[in-house]
């Protein structure tokens, strides 16, 4: 399994109101990043601040450079749904995650162990 290469697929795929936010995250954002609260609608995130229409792509996803890679403008305040992604090999296969290698698809149990090592700091 490769390290994340910042392809942005996960951030692009999970727009359109597919992510939620916890009360704890809302409290944290109130203190540290109140601008994020404008994009919350009924416990779901990434909605237009005035129209309340779901945004197709996370509003904090920014193109890093001309390589087509991305970075997260709110990385340190990102929601838990983002912080803990990816959580399973099945999820990564579904999302066409570029961290996966052919060997990971052939041996998903070993790949899950590799993922756990890579994500150990995020999943705590």
PDB file of N, CA and C in Angstrom:
ATOM      1  N   UNK A   1       0.843  -1.173   0.000  1.00  0.00           N
ATOM      2  CA  UNK A   1       0.000   0.000   0.000  1.00  0.00           C
ATOM      3  C   UNK A   1       0.891   1.239   0.000  1.00  0.00           C
ATOM      4  N   UNK A   2       0.484   2.216  -0.777  1.00  0.00           N
ATOM      5  CA  UNK A   2       1.236   3.456  -0.869  1.00  0.00           C
ATOM      6  C   UNK A   2       0.700   4.467   0.140  1.00  0.00           C
ATOM      7  N   UNK A   3       1.502   5.452   0.436  1.00  0.00           N
ATOM      8  CA  UNK A   3       1.046   6.585   1.250  1.00  0.00           C
ATOM      9  C   UNK A   3       0.071   7.408   0.404  1.00  0.00           C
ATOM     10  N   UNK A   4      -0.729   8.203   1.053  1.00  0.00           N
ATOM     11  CA  UNK A   4      -1.666   9.077   0.339  1.00  0.00           C
ATOM     12  C   UNK A   4      -0.881  10.008  -0.577  1.00  0.00           C
ATOM     13  N   UNK A   5      -1.364  10.156  -1.809  1.00  0.00           N
ATOM     14  CA  UNK A   5      -0.686  11.026  -2.767  1.00  0.00           C
ATOM     15  C   UNK A   5      -1.473  12.308  -3.042  1.00  0.00           C
ATOM     16  N   UNK A   6      -2.481  12.577  -2.228  1.00  0.00           N
ATOM     17  CA  UNK A   6      -3.277  13.806  -2.319  1.00  0.00           C
ATOM     18  C   UNK A   6      -4.009  13.929  -3.652  1.00  0.00           C
ATOM     19  N   UNK A   7      -4.554  12.808  -4.135  1.00  0.00           N
ATOM     20  CA  UNK A   7      -5.288  12.829  -5.401  1.00  0.00           C
ATOM     21  C   UNK A   7      -6.622  13.563  -5.278  1.00  0.00           C
ATOM     22  N   UNK A   8      -7.161  13.658  -4.064  1.00  0.00           N
ATOM     23  CA  UNK A   8      -8.403  14.386  -3.833  1.00  0.00           C
ATOM     24  C   UNK A   8      -9.674  13.605  -4.097  1.00  0.00           C
ATOM     25  N   UNK A   9      -9.561  12.356  -4.524  1.00  0.00           N
ATOM     26  CA  UNK A   9     -10.757  11.579  -4.860  1.00  0.00           C
ATOM     27  C   UNK A   9     -11.723  11.467  -3.684  1.00  0.00           C
ATOM     28  N   UNK A  10     -11.181  11.265  -2.490  1.00  0.00           N
ATOM     29  CA  UNK A  10     -12.058  11.114  -1.327  1.00  0.00           C
ATOM     30  C   UNK A  10     -12.815  12.416  -1.060  1.00  0.00           C
ATOM     31  N   UNK A  11     -12.169  13.538  -1.182  1.00  0.00           N
ATOM     32  CA  UNK A  11     -12.814  14.826  -0.932  1.00  0.00           C
ATOM     33  C   UNK A  11     -13.822  15.172  -2.023  1.00  0.00           C
ATOM     34  N   UNK A  12     -13.515  14.782  -3.238  1.00  0.00           N
ATOM     35  CA  UNK A  12     -14.420  15.047  -4.345  1.00  0.00           C
ATOM     36  C   UNK A  12     -15.632  14.135  -4.256  1.00  0.00           C
ATOM     37  N   UNK A  13     -15.409  12.881  -3.931  1.00  0.00           N
ATOM     38  CA  UNK A  13     -16.488  11.899  -3.879  1.00  0.00           C
ATOM     39  C   UNK A  13     -17.494  12.192  -2.781  1.00  0.00           C
ATOM     40  N   UNK A  14     -17.032  12.742  -1.656  1.00  0.00           N
ATOM     41  CA  UNK A  14     -17.907  12.912  -0.509  1.00  0.00           C
ATOM     42  C   UNK A  14     -18.447  14.322  -0.352  1.00  0.00           C
ATOM     43  N   UNK A  15     -18.802  14.935  -1.455  1.00  0.00           N
ATOM     44  CA  UNK A  15     -19.549  16.180  -1.411  1.00  0.00           C
ATOM     45  C   UNK A  15     -21.027  15.842  -1.413  1.00  0.00           C
ATOM     46  N   UNK A  16     -21.846  16.761  -1.791  1.00  0.00           N
ATOM     47  CA  UNK A  16     -23.294  16.557  -1.923  1.00  0.00           C
ATOM     48  C   UNK A  16     -23.962  16.133  -0.623  1.00  0.00           C
ATOM     49  N   UNK A  17     -23.485  16.652   0.493  1.00  0.00           N
ATOM     50  CA  UNK A  17     -24.137  16.418   1.771  1.00  0.00           C
ATOM     51  C   UNK A  17     -23.978  15.024   2.327  1.00  0.00           C
ATOM     52  N   UNK A  18     -22.965  14.296   1.911  1.00  0.00           N
ATOM     53  CA  UNK A  18     -22.801  12.926   2.362  1.00  0.00           C
ATOM     54  C   UNK A  18     -22.056  12.761   3.673  1.00  0.00           C
ATOM     55  N   UNK A  19     -21.625  13.850   4.289  1.00  0.00           N
ATOM     56  CA  UNK A  19     -20.853  13.757   5.527  1.00  0.00           C
ATOM     57  C   UNK A  19     -21.618  14.418   6.671  1.00  0.00           C
ATOM     58  N   UNK A  20     -21.358  13.914   7.864  1.00  0.00           N
ATOM     59  CA  UNK A  20     -22.013  14.484   9.035  1.00  0.00           C
ATOM     60  C   UNK A  20     -20.979  15.130   9.942  1.00  0.00           C
ATOM     61  N   UNK A  21     -21.479  15.827  10.931  1.00  0.00           N
ATOM     62  CA  UNK A  21     -20.612  16.490  11.901  1.00  0.00           C
ATOM     63  C   UNK A  21     -21.198  16.235  13.295  1.00  0.00           C
ATOM     64  N   UNK A  22     -20.315  16.055  14.270  1.00  0.00           N
ATOM     65  CA  UNK A  22     -20.766  15.788  15.624  1.00  0.00           C
ATOM     66  C   UNK A  22     -20.925  17.095  16.409  1.00  0.00           C
ATOM     67  N   UNK A  23     -21.624  17.020  17.525  1.00  0.00           N
ATOM     68  CA  UNK A  23     -21.762  18.190  18.394  1.00  0.00           C
ATOM     69  C   UNK A  23     -20.406  18.628  18.930  1.00  0.00           C
ATOM     70  N   UNK A  24     -19.538  17.668  19.207  1.00  0.00           N
ATOM     71  CA  UNK A  24     -18.194  17.992  19.681  1.00  0.00           C
ATOM     72  C   UNK A  24     -17.425  18.775  18.608  1.00  0.00           C
ATOM     73  N   UNK A  25     -17.556  18.357  17.358  1.00  0.00           N
ATOM     74  CA  UNK A  25     -16.876  19.083  16.273  1.00  0.00           C
ATOM     75  C   UNK A  25     -17.448  20.486  16.136  1.00  0.00           C
ATOM     76  N   UNK A  26     -18.758  20.615  16.237  1.00  0.00           N
ATOM     77  CA  UNK A  26     -19.386  21.934  16.139  1.00  0.00           C
ATOM     78  C   UNK A  26     -18.879  22.860  17.244  1.00  0.00           C
ATOM     79  N   UNK A  27     -18.756  22.330  18.453  1.00  0.00           N
ATOM     80  CA  UNK A  27     -18.228  23.131  19.563  1.00  0.00           C
ATOM     81  C   UNK A  27     -16.793  23.561  19.286  1.00  0.00           C
ATOM     82  N   UNK A  28     -15.999  22.647  18.785  1.00  0.00           N
ATOM     83  CA  UNK A  28     -14.606  22.954  18.460  1.00  0.00           C
ATOM     84  C   UNK A  28     -14.533  24.023  17.366  1.00  0.00           C
ATOM     85  N   UNK A  29     -15.345  23.853  16.343  1.00  0.00           N
ATOM     86  CA  UNK A  29     -15.343  24.833  15.254  1.00  0.00           C
ATOM     87  C   UNK A  29     -15.794  26.207  15.737  1.00  0.00           C
ATOM     88  N   UNK A  30     -16.746  26.229  16.654  1.00  0.00           N
ATOM     89  CA  UNK A  30     -17.213  27.506  17.203  1.00  0.00           C
ATOM     90  C   UNK A  30     -16.039  28.276  17.789  1.00  0.00           C
ATOM     91  N   UNK A  31     -15.147  27.552  18.447  1.00  0.00           N
ATOM     92  CA  UNK A  31     -13.966  28.164  19.072  1.00  0.00           C
ATOM     93  C   UNK A  31     -12.857  28.469  18.067  1.00  0.00           C
ATOM     94  N   UNK A  32     -12.525  27.467  17.236  1.00  0.00           N
ATOM     95  CA  UNK A  32     -11.319  27.544  16.413  1.00  0.00           C
ATOM     96  C   UNK A  32     -11.531  27.933  14.953  1.00  0.00           C
ATOM     97  N   UNK A  33     -12.700  27.644  14.417  1.00  0.00           N
ATOM     98  CA  UNK A  33     -12.915  27.857  12.977  1.00  0.00           C
ATOM     99  C   UNK A  33     -14.388  28.158  12.681  1.00  0.00           C
ATOM    100  N   UNK A  34     -14.899  29.283  13.180  1.00  0.00           N
ATOM    101  CA  UNK A  34     -16.325  29.575  13.027  1.00  0.00           C
ATOM    102  C   UNK A  34     -16.802  29.651  11.576  1.00  0.00           C
ATOM    103  N   UNK A  35     -15.913  29.921  10.653  1.00  0.00           N
ATOM    104  CA  UNK A  35     -16.294  29.984   9.231  1.00  0.00           C
ATOM    105  C   UNK A  35     -16.860  28.639   8.751  1.00  0.00           C
ATOM    106  N   UNK A  36     -16.380  27.543   9.322  1.00  0.00           N
ATOM    107  CA  UNK A  36     -16.858  26.222   8.915  1.00  0.00           C
ATOM    108  C   UNK A  36     -18.337  26.032   9.240  1.00  0.00           C
ATOM    109  N   UNK A  37     -18.800  26.664  10.291  1.00  0.00           N
ATOM    110  CA  UNK A  37     -20.195  26.507  10.713  1.00  0.00           C
ATOM    111  C   UNK A  37     -21.175  26.990   9.648  1.00  0.00           C
ATOM    112  N   UNK A  38     -20.738  27.898   8.798  1.00  0.00           N
ATOM    113  CA  UNK A  38     -21.604  28.405   7.733  1.00  0.00           C
ATOM    114  C   UNK A  38     -21.971  27.313   6.727  1.00  0.00           C
ATOM    115  N   UNK A  39     -21.194  26.252   6.679  1.00  0.00           N
ATOM    116  CA  UNK A  39     -21.380  25.186   5.700  1.00  0.00           C
ATOM    117  C   UNK A  39     -22.083  23.961   6.271  1.00  0.00           C
ATOM    118  N   UNK A  40     -22.665  24.111   7.467  1.00  0.00           N
ATOM    119  CA  UNK A  40     -23.382  23.029   8.140  1.00  0.00           C
ATOM    120  C   UNK A  40     -24.878  23.237   7.964  1.00  0.00           C
ATOM    121  N   UNK A  41     -25.582  22.137   7.707  1.00  0.00           N
ATOM    122  CA  UNK A  41     -27.039  22.187   7.583  1.00  0.00           C
ATOM    123  C   UNK A  41     -27.628  20.929   8.220  1.00  0.00           C
ATOM    124  N   UNK A  42     -28.272  21.105   9.342  1.00  0.00           N
ATOM    125  CA  UNK A  42     -28.947  20.008  10.041  1.00  0.00           C
ATOM    126  C   UNK A  42     -28.023  18.809  10.286  1.00  0.00           C
ATOM    127  N   UNK A  43     -26.835  19.078  10.802  1.00  0.00           N
ATOM    128  CA  UNK A  43     -25.907  18.015  11.156  1.00  0.00           C
ATOM    129  C   UNK A  43     -25.140  17.424   9.990  1.00  0.00           C
ATOM    130  N   UNK A  44     -25.371  17.919   8.805  1.00  0.00           N
ATOM    131  CA  UNK A  44     -24.637  17.487   7.614  1.00  0.00           C
ATOM    132  C   UNK A  44     -23.742  18.637   7.177  1.00  0.00           C
ATOM    133  N   UNK A  45     -22.662  18.297   6.473  1.00  0.00           N
ATOM    134  CA  UNK A  45     -21.719  19.350   6.097  1.00  0.00           C
ATOM    135  C   UNK A  45     -21.523  19.476   4.590  1.00  0.00           C
ATOM    136  N   UNK A  46     -21.049  20.657   4.290  1.00  0.00           N
ATOM    137  CA  UNK A  46     -20.688  21.160   2.979  1.00  0.00           C
ATOM    138  C   UNK A  46     -21.938  21.518   2.170  1.00  0.00           C
ATOM    139  N   UNK A  47     -22.652  22.477   2.760  1.00  0.00           N
ATOM    140  CA  UNK A  47     -23.823  23.085   2.133  1.00  0.00           C
ATOM    141  C   UNK A  47     -23.518  24.557   1.902  1.00  0.00           C
ATOM    142  N   UNK A  48     -24.071  25.114   0.818  1.00  0.00           N
ATOM    143  CA  UNK A  48     -23.858  26.523   0.506  1.00  0.00           C
ATOM    144  C   UNK A  48     -24.389  27.368   1.663  1.00  0.00           C
ATOM    145  N   UNK A  49     -23.611  28.347   2.118  1.00  0.00           N
ATOM    146  CA  UNK A  49     -24.015  29.125   3.292  1.00  0.00           C
ATOM    147  C   UNK A  49     -25.362  29.848   3.170  1.00  0.00           C
ATOM    148  N   UNK A  50     -25.714  30.311   1.984  1.00  0.00           N
ATOM    149  CA  UNK A  50     -26.975  31.053   1.857  1.00  0.00           C
ATOM    150  C   UNK A  50     -28.101  30.223   1.265  1.00  0.00           C
ATOM    151  N   UNK A  51     -27.824  29.419   0.257  1.00  0.00           N
ATOM    152  CA  UNK A  51     -28.898  28.647  -0.379  1.00  0.00           C
ATOM    153  C   UNK A  51     -29.191  27.340   0.340  1.00  0.00           C
ATOM    154  N   UNK A  52     -28.243  26.870   1.145  1.00  0.00           N
ATOM    155  CA  UNK A  52     -28.332  25.584   1.858  1.00  0.00           C
ATOM    156  C   UNK A  52     -28.404  24.389   0.902  1.00  0.00           C
ATOM    157  N   UNK A  53     -27.986  24.588  -0.335  1.00  0.00           N
ATOM    158  CA  UNK A  53     -27.885  23.486  -1.288  1.00  0.00           C
ATOM    159  C   UNK A  53     -26.580  22.741  -1.034  1.00  0.00           C
ATOM    160  N   UNK A  54     -26.643  21.419  -1.136  1.00  0.00           N
ATOM    161  CA  UNK A  54     -25.439  20.607  -0.942  1.00  0.00           C
ATOM    162  C   UNK A  54     -24.405  20.954  -2.006  1.00  0.00           C
ATOM    163  N   UNK A  55     -23.174  21.129  -1.570  1.00  0.00           N
ATOM    164  CA  UNK A  55     -22.082  21.402  -2.497  1.00  0.00           C
ATOM    165  C   UNK A  55     -21.560  20.084  -3.045  1.00  0.00           C
ATOM    166  N   UNK A  56     -21.268  20.056  -4.323  1.00  0.00           N
ATOM    167  CA  UNK A  56     -20.822  18.821  -4.971  1.00  0.00           C
ATOM    168  C   UNK A  56     -19.436  18.399  -4.493  1.00  0.00           C
ATOM    169  N   UNK A  57     -18.625  19.362  -4.083  1.00  0.00           N
ATOM    170  CA  UNK A  57     -17.253  19.103  -3.650  1.00  0.00           C
ATOM    171  C   UNK A  57     -17.005  19.899  -2.375  1.00  0.00           C
ATOM    172  N   UNK A  58     -16.196  19.372  -1.513  1.00  0.00           N
ATOM    173  CA  UNK A  58     -15.840  20.081  -0.290  1.00  0.00           C
ATOM    174  C   UNK A  58     -15.328  21.486  -0.636  1.00  0.00           C
ATOM    175  N   UNK A  59     -15.846  22.514   0.030  1.00  0.00           N
ATOM    176  CA  UNK A  59     -15.411  23.882  -0.281  1.00  0.00           C
ATOM    177  C   UNK A  59     -13.985  24.187   0.170  1.00  0.00           C
ATOM    178  N   UNK A  60     -13.380  23.304   0.933  1.00  0.00           N
ATOM    179  CA  UNK A  60     -12.041  23.537   1.460  1.00  0.00           C
ATOM    180  C   UNK A  60     -10.972  22.765   0.695  1.00  0.00           C
ATOM    181  N   UNK A  61     -11.371  22.090  -0.354  1.00  0.00           N
ATOM    182  CA  UNK A  61     -10.432  21.350  -1.187  1.00  0.00           C
ATOM    183  C   UNK A  61      -9.815  22.315  -2.190  1.00  0.00           C
ATOM    184  N   UNK A  62      -8.503  22.406  -2.175  1.00  0.00           N
ATOM    185  CA  UNK A  62      -7.807  23.349  -3.047  1.00  0.00           C
ATOM    186  C   UNK A  62      -6.791  22.621  -3.908  1.00  0.00           C
ATOM    187  N   UNK A  63      -6.725  23.004  -5.151  1.00  0.00           N
ATOM    188  CA  UNK A  63      -5.716  22.457  -6.053  1.00  0.00           C
ATOM    189  C   UNK A  63      -4.350  22.946  -5.587  1.00  0.00           C
ATOM    190  N   UNK A  64      -3.448  22.011  -5.336  1.00  0.00           N
ATOM    191  CA  UNK A  64      -2.141  22.355  -4.783  1.00  0.00           C
ATOM    192  C   UNK A  64      -1.219  22.958  -5.831  1.00  0.00           C
ATOM    193  N   UNK A  65      -1.233  22.392  -7.027  1.00  0.00           N
ATOM    194  CA  UNK A  65      -0.334  22.856  -8.076  1.00  0.00           C
ATOM    195  C   UNK A  65      -0.791  22.266  -9.403  1.00  0.00           C
ATOM    196  N   UNK A  66       0.015  22.388 -10.431  1.00  0.00           N
ATOM    197  CA  UNK A  66      -0.375  21.923 -11.761  1.00  0.00           C
ATOM    198  C   UNK A  66      -0.234  20.413 -11.939  1.00  0.00           C
ATOM    199  N   UNK A  67       0.086  19.680 -10.873  1.00  0.00           N
ATOM    200  CA  UNK A  67       0.177  18.221 -10.969  1.00  0.00           C
ATOM    201  C   UNK A  67      -1.185  17.552 -10.808  1.00  0.00           C
ATOM    202  N   UNK A  68      -2.193  18.332 -10.449  1.00  0.00           N
ATOM    203  CA  UNK A  68      -3.513  17.761 -10.233  1.00  0.00           C
ATOM    204  C   UNK A  68      -3.707  17.235  -8.820  1.00  0.00           C
ATOM    205  N   UNK A  69      -2.804  17.534  -7.937  1.00  0.00           N
ATOM    206  CA  UNK A  69      -2.915  17.116  -6.544  1.00  0.00           C
ATOM    207  C   UNK A  69      -3.604  18.213  -5.745  1.00  0.00           C
ATOM    208  N   UNK A  70      -4.127  17.835  -4.602  1.00  0.00           N
ATOM    209  CA  UNK A  70      -4.929  18.745  -3.797  1.00  0.00           C
ATOM    210  C   UNK A  70      -4.369  18.871  -2.387  1.00  0.00           C
ATOM    211  N   UNK A  71      -4.851  19.871  -1.675  1.00  0.00           N
ATOM    212  CA  UNK A  71      -4.614  19.936  -0.243  1.00  0.00           C
ATOM    213  C   UNK A  71      -5.875  20.467   0.428  1.00  0.00           C
ATOM    214  N   UNK A  72      -5.955  20.204   1.711  1.00  0.00           N
ATOM    215  CA  UNK A  72      -7.122  20.570   2.508  1.00  0.00           C
ATOM    216  C   UNK A  72      -6.839  21.885   3.227  1.00  0.00           C
ATOM    217  N   UNK A  73      -7.641  22.893   2.954  1.00  0.00           N
ATOM    218  CA  UNK A  73      -7.442  24.202   3.576  1.00  0.00           C
ATOM    219  C   UNK A  73      -7.806  24.207   5.057  1.00  0.00           C
ATOM    220  N   UNK A  74      -8.516  23.178   5.519  1.00  0.00           N
ATOM    221  CA  UNK A  74      -8.907  23.103   6.931  1.00  0.00           C
ATOM    222  C   UNK A  74      -8.340  21.843   7.584  1.00  0.00           C
ATOM    223  N   UNK A  75      -7.222  21.383   7.126  1.00  0.00           N
ATOM    224  CA  UNK A  75      -6.691  20.093   7.540  1.00  0.00           C
ATOM    225  C   UNK A  75      -6.716  19.891   9.060  1.00  0.00           C
ATOM    226  N   UNK A  76      -6.298  20.865   9.824  1.00  0.00           N
ATOM    227  CA  UNK A  76      -6.221  20.696  11.274  1.00  0.00           C
ATOM    228  C   UNK A  76      -7.586  20.817  11.951  1.00  0.00           C
ATOM    229  N   UNK A  77      -8.570  21.329  11.246  1.00  0.00           N
ATOM    230  CA  UNK A  77      -9.936  21.413  11.768  1.00  0.00           C
ATOM    231  C   UNK A  77     -10.900  20.545  10.972  1.00  0.00           C
ATOM    232  N   UNK A  78     -10.375  19.642  10.163  1.00  0.00           N
ATOM    233  CA  UNK A  78     -11.230  18.810   9.321  1.00  0.00           C
ATOM    234  C   UNK A  78     -12.147  17.950  10.185  1.00  0.00           C
ATOM    235  N   UNK A  79     -13.315  17.614   9.649  1.00  0.00           N
ATOM    236  CA  UNK A  79     -14.250  16.787  10.416  1.00  0.00           C
ATOM    237  C   UNK A  79     -13.726  15.365  10.607  1.00  0.00           C
ATOM    238  N   UNK A  80     -14.273  14.692  11.609  1.00  0.00           N
ATOM    239  CA  UNK A  80     -13.853  13.320  11.891  1.00  0.00           C
ATOM    240  C   UNK A  80     -14.077  12.398  10.703  1.00  0.00           C
ATOM    241  N   UNK A  81     -15.164  12.609   9.949  1.00  0.00           N
ATOM    242  CA  UNK A  81     -15.391  11.773   8.767  1.00  0.00           C
ATOM    243  C   UNK A  81     -14.194  11.818   7.828  1.00  0.00           C
ATOM    244  N   UNK A  82     -13.556  12.957   7.734  1.00  0.00           N
ATOM    245  CA  UNK A  82     -12.372  13.100   6.886  1.00  0.00           C
ATOM    246  C   UNK A  82     -11.121  12.570   7.594  1.00  0.00           C
ATOM    247  N   UNK A  83     -11.015  12.884   8.857  1.00  0.00           N
ATOM    248  CA  UNK A  83      -9.840  12.502   9.649  1.00  0.00           C
ATOM    249  C   UNK A  83      -9.631  10.992   9.665  1.00  0.00           C
ATOM    250  N   UNK A  84     -10.724  10.228   9.706  1.00  0.00           N
ATOM    251  CA  UNK A  84     -10.630   8.776   9.820  1.00  0.00           C
ATOM    252  C   UNK A  84     -10.703   8.049   8.487  1.00  0.00           C
ATOM    253  N   UNK A  85     -10.750   8.791   7.394  1.00  0.00           N
ATOM    254  CA  UNK A  85     -10.797   8.170   6.070  1.00  0.00           C
ATOM    255  C   UNK A  85      -9.373   7.892   5.600  1.00  0.00           C
ATOM    256  N   UNK A  86      -9.123   6.782   4.986  1.00  0.00           N
ATOM    257  CA  UNK A  86      -9.998   5.631   4.751  1.00  0.00           C
ATOM    258  C   UNK A  86     -10.011   4.701   5.961  1.00  0.00           C
ATOM    259  N   UNK A  87     -11.112   4.003   6.124  1.00  0.00           N
ATOM    260  CA  UNK A  87     -11.219   3.117   7.280  1.00  0.00           C
ATOM    261  C   UNK A  87     -11.194   1.642   6.905  1.00  0.00           C
ATOM    262  N   UNK A  88     -11.431   1.350   5.638  1.00  0.00           N
ATOM    263  CA  UNK A  88     -11.407  -0.054   5.228  1.00  0.00           C
ATOM    264  C   UNK A  88     -10.963  -0.195   3.777  1.00  0.00           C
ATOM    265  N   UNK A  89     -10.476  -1.371   3.477  1.00  0.00           N
ATOM    266  CA  UNK A  89     -10.048  -1.662   2.106  1.00  0.00           C
ATOM    267  C   UNK A  89     -11.257  -1.626   1.175  1.00  0.00           C
ATOM    268  N   UNK A  90     -12.388  -2.126   1.636  1.00  0.00           N
ATOM    269  CA  UNK A  90     -13.603  -2.100   0.804  1.00  0.00           C
ATOM    270  C   UNK A  90     -13.966  -0.671   0.424  1.00  0.00           C
ATOM    271  N   UNK A  91     -13.856   0.229   1.377  1.00  0.00           N
ATOM    272  CA  UNK A  91     -14.127   1.639   1.130  1.00  0.00           C
ATOM    273  C   UNK A  91     -13.152   2.206   0.089  1.00  0.00           C
ATOM    274  N   UNK A  92     -11.901   1.836   0.222  1.00  0.00           N
ATOM    275  CA  UNK A  92     -10.887   2.325  -0.706  1.00  0.00           C
ATOM    276  C   UNK A  92     -11.106   1.785  -2.116  1.00  0.00           C
ATOM    277  N   UNK A  93     -11.494   0.532  -2.215  1.00  0.00           N
ATOM    278  CA  UNK A  93     -11.778  -0.055  -3.531  1.00  0.00           C
ATOM    279  C   UNK A  93     -12.970   0.664  -4.156  1.00  0.00           C
ATOM    280  N   UNK A  94     -14.016   0.833  -3.370  1.00  0.00           N
ATOM    281  CA  UNK A  94     -15.216   1.523  -3.858  1.00  0.00           C
ATOM    282  C   UNK A  94     -14.888   2.917  -4.381  1.00  0.00           C
ATOM    283  N   UNK A  95     -14.005   3.619  -3.675  1.00  0.00           N
ATOM    284  CA  UNK A  95     -13.687   5.006  -4.014  1.00  0.00           C
ATOM    285  C   UNK A  95     -12.526   5.150  -4.991  1.00  0.00           C
ATOM    286  N   UNK A  96     -11.983   4.025  -5.468  1.00  0.00           N
ATOM    287  CA  UNK A  96     -10.863   4.032  -6.398  1.00  0.00           C
ATOM    288  C   UNK A  96      -9.663   4.791  -5.828  1.00  0.00           C
ATOM    289  N   UNK A  97      -9.404   4.542  -4.545  1.00  0.00           N
ATOM    290  CA  UNK A  97      -8.313   5.208  -3.838  1.00  0.00           C
ATOM    291  C   UNK A  97      -6.974   4.840  -4.477  1.00  0.00           C
ATOM    292  N   UNK A  98      -6.144   5.838  -4.694  1.00  0.00           N
ATOM    293  CA  UNK A  98      -4.855   5.625  -5.338  1.00  0.00           C
ATOM    294  C   UNK A  98      -3.784   5.094  -4.386  1.00  0.00           C
ATOM    295  N   UNK A  99      -4.121   4.941  -3.110  1.00  0.00           N
ATOM    296  CA  UNK A  99      -3.172   4.327  -2.180  1.00  0.00           C
ATOM    297  C   UNK A  99      -3.062   2.825  -2.437  1.00  0.00           C
ATOM    298  N   UNK A 100      -4.115   2.240  -2.971  1.00  0.00           N
ATOM    299  CA  UNK A 100      -4.142   0.798  -3.197  1.00  0.00           C
ATOM    300  C   UNK A 100      -3.219   0.381  -4.338  1.00  0.00           C
ATOM    301  N   UNK A 101      -2.614  -0.762  -4.131  1.00  0.00           N
ATOM    302  CA  UNK A 101      -1.811  -1.395  -5.164  1.00  0.00           C
ATOM    303  C   UNK A 101      -2.506  -2.703  -5.537  1.00  0.00           C
ATOM    304  N   UNK A 102      -2.189  -3.278  -6.694  1.00  0.00           N
ATOM    305  CA  UNK A 102      -2.837  -4.548  -7.081  1.00  0.00           C
ATOM    306  C   UNK A 102      -2.736  -5.627  -6.001  1.00  0.00           C
ATOM    307  N   UNK A 103      -1.592  -5.713  -5.318  1.00  0.00           N
ATOM    308  CA  UNK A 103      -1.425  -6.728  -4.273  1.00  0.00           C
ATOM    309  C   UNK A 103      -2.424  -6.529  -3.136  1.00  0.00           C
ATOM    310  N   UNK A 104      -2.837  -5.284  -2.872  1.00  0.00           N
ATOM    311  CA  UNK A 104      -3.800  -5.013  -1.809  1.00  0.00           C
ATOM    312  C   UNK A 104      -5.178  -5.578  -2.145  1.00  0.00           C
ATOM    313  N   UNK A 105      -5.521  -5.517  -3.406  1.00  0.00           N
ATOM    314  CA  UNK A 105      -6.810  -6.052  -3.830  1.00  0.00           C
ATOM    315  C   UNK A 105      -6.808  -7.581  -3.807  1.00  0.00           C
ATOM    316  N   UNK A 106      -5.646  -8.162  -4.051  1.00  0.00           N
ATOM    317  CA  UNK A 106      -5.535  -9.625  -4.024  1.00  0.00           C
ATOM    318  C   UNK A 106      -5.530 -10.176  -2.596  1.00  0.00           C
ATOM    319  N   UNK A 107      -5.048  -9.382  -1.656  1.00  0.00           N
ATOM    320  CA  UNK A 107      -4.949  -9.843  -0.272  1.00  0.00           C
ATOM    321  C   UNK A 107      -5.493  -8.747   0.657  1.00  0.00           C
ATOM    322  N   UNK A 108      -6.820  -8.592   0.697  1.00  0.00           N
ATOM    323  CA  UNK A 108      -7.405  -7.499   1.480  1.00  0.00           C
ATOM    324  C   UNK A 108      -7.140  -7.579   2.982  1.00  0.00           C
ATOM    325  N   UNK A 109      -6.978  -8.775   3.529  1.00  0.00           N
ATOM    326  CA  UNK A 109      -6.687  -8.878   4.969  1.00  0.00           C
ATOM    327  C   UNK A 109      -5.329  -8.258   5.289  1.00  0.00           C
ATOM    328  N   UNK A 110      -4.330  -8.562   4.490  1.00  0.00           N
ATOM    329  CA  UNK A 110      -3.009  -7.967   4.701  1.00  0.00           C
ATOM    330  C   UNK A 110      -3.063  -6.465   4.420  1.00  0.00           C
ATOM    331  N   UNK A 111      -3.806  -6.082   3.417  1.00  0.00           N
ATOM    332  CA  UNK A 111      -3.935  -4.660   3.089  1.00  0.00           C
ATOM    333  C   UNK A 111      -4.579  -3.890   4.244  1.00  0.00           C
ATOM    334  N   UNK A 112      -5.553  -4.506   4.904  1.00  0.00           N
ATOM    335  CA  UNK A 112      -6.201  -3.852   6.045  1.00  0.00           C
ATOM    336  C   UNK A 112      -5.195  -3.632   7.168  1.00  0.00           C
ATOM    337  N   UNK A 113      -4.290  -4.578   7.361  1.00  0.00           N
ATOM    338  CA  UNK A 113      -3.241  -4.421   8.372  1.00  0.00           C
ATOM    339  C   UNK A 113      -2.300  -3.277   7.996  1.00  0.00           C
ATOM    340  N   UNK A 114      -1.958  -3.196   6.723  1.00  0.00           N
ATOM    341  CA  UNK A 114      -1.097  -2.101   6.252  1.00  0.00           C
ATOM    342  C   UNK A 114      -1.795  -0.751   6.446  1.00  0.00           C
ATOM    343  N   UNK A 115      -3.078  -0.728   6.142  1.00  0.00           N
ATOM    344  CA  UNK A 115      -3.847   0.507   6.313  1.00  0.00           C
ATOM    345  C   UNK A 115      -3.861   0.920   7.783  1.00  0.00           C
ATOM    346  N   UNK A 116      -4.033  -0.030   8.667  1.00  0.00           N
ATOM    347  CA  UNK A 116      -4.048   0.279  10.099  1.00  0.00           C
ATOM    348  C   UNK A 116      -2.726   0.906  10.541  1.00  0.00           C
ATOM    349  N   UNK A 117      -1.624   0.421  10.001  1.00  0.00           N
ATOM    350  CA  UNK A 117      -0.319   1.009  10.334  1.00  0.00           C
ATOM    351  C   UNK A 117      -0.204   2.442   9.811  1.00  0.00           C
ATOM    352  N   UNK A 118      -0.648   2.648   8.590  1.00  0.00           N
ATOM    353  CA  UNK A 118      -0.570   3.982   7.978  1.00  0.00           C
ATOM    354  C   UNK A 118      -1.456   4.957   8.728  1.00  0.00           C
ATOM    355  N   UNK A 119      -2.628   4.508   9.144  1.00  0.00           N
ATOM    356  CA  UNK A 119      -3.624   5.394   9.747  1.00  0.00           C
ATOM    357  C   UNK A 119      -3.571   5.423  11.274  1.00  0.00           C
ATOM    358  N   UNK A 120      -2.623   4.775  11.885  1.00  0.00           N
ATOM    359  CA  UNK A 120      -2.604   4.632  13.349  1.00  0.00           C
ATOM    360  C   UNK A 120      -2.698   5.975  14.076  1.00  0.00           C
ATOM    361  N   UNK A 121      -2.078   7.008  13.561  1.00  0.00           N
ATOM    362  CA  UNK A 121      -2.133   8.310  14.215  1.00  0.00           C
ATOM    363  C   UNK A 121      -3.467   9.009  13.997  1.00  0.00           C
ATOM    364  N   UNK A 122      -4.114   8.744  12.895  1.00  0.00           N
ATOM    365  CA  UNK A 122      -5.405   9.381  12.604  1.00  0.00           C
ATOM    366  C   UNK A 122      -6.550   8.715  13.331  1.00  0.00           C
ATOM    367  N   UNK A 123      -6.463   7.417  13.505  1.00  0.00           N
ATOM    368  CA  UNK A 123      -7.573   6.663  14.086  1.00  0.00           C
ATOM    369  C   UNK A 123      -7.645   6.721  15.599  1.00  0.00           C
ATOM    370  N   UNK A 124      -6.707   7.377  16.254  1.00  0.00           N
ATOM    371  CA  UNK A 124      -6.729   7.418  17.722  1.00  0.00           C
ATOM    372  C   UNK A 124      -7.670   8.479  18.245  1.00  0.00           C
TER     373      UNK A 124
END
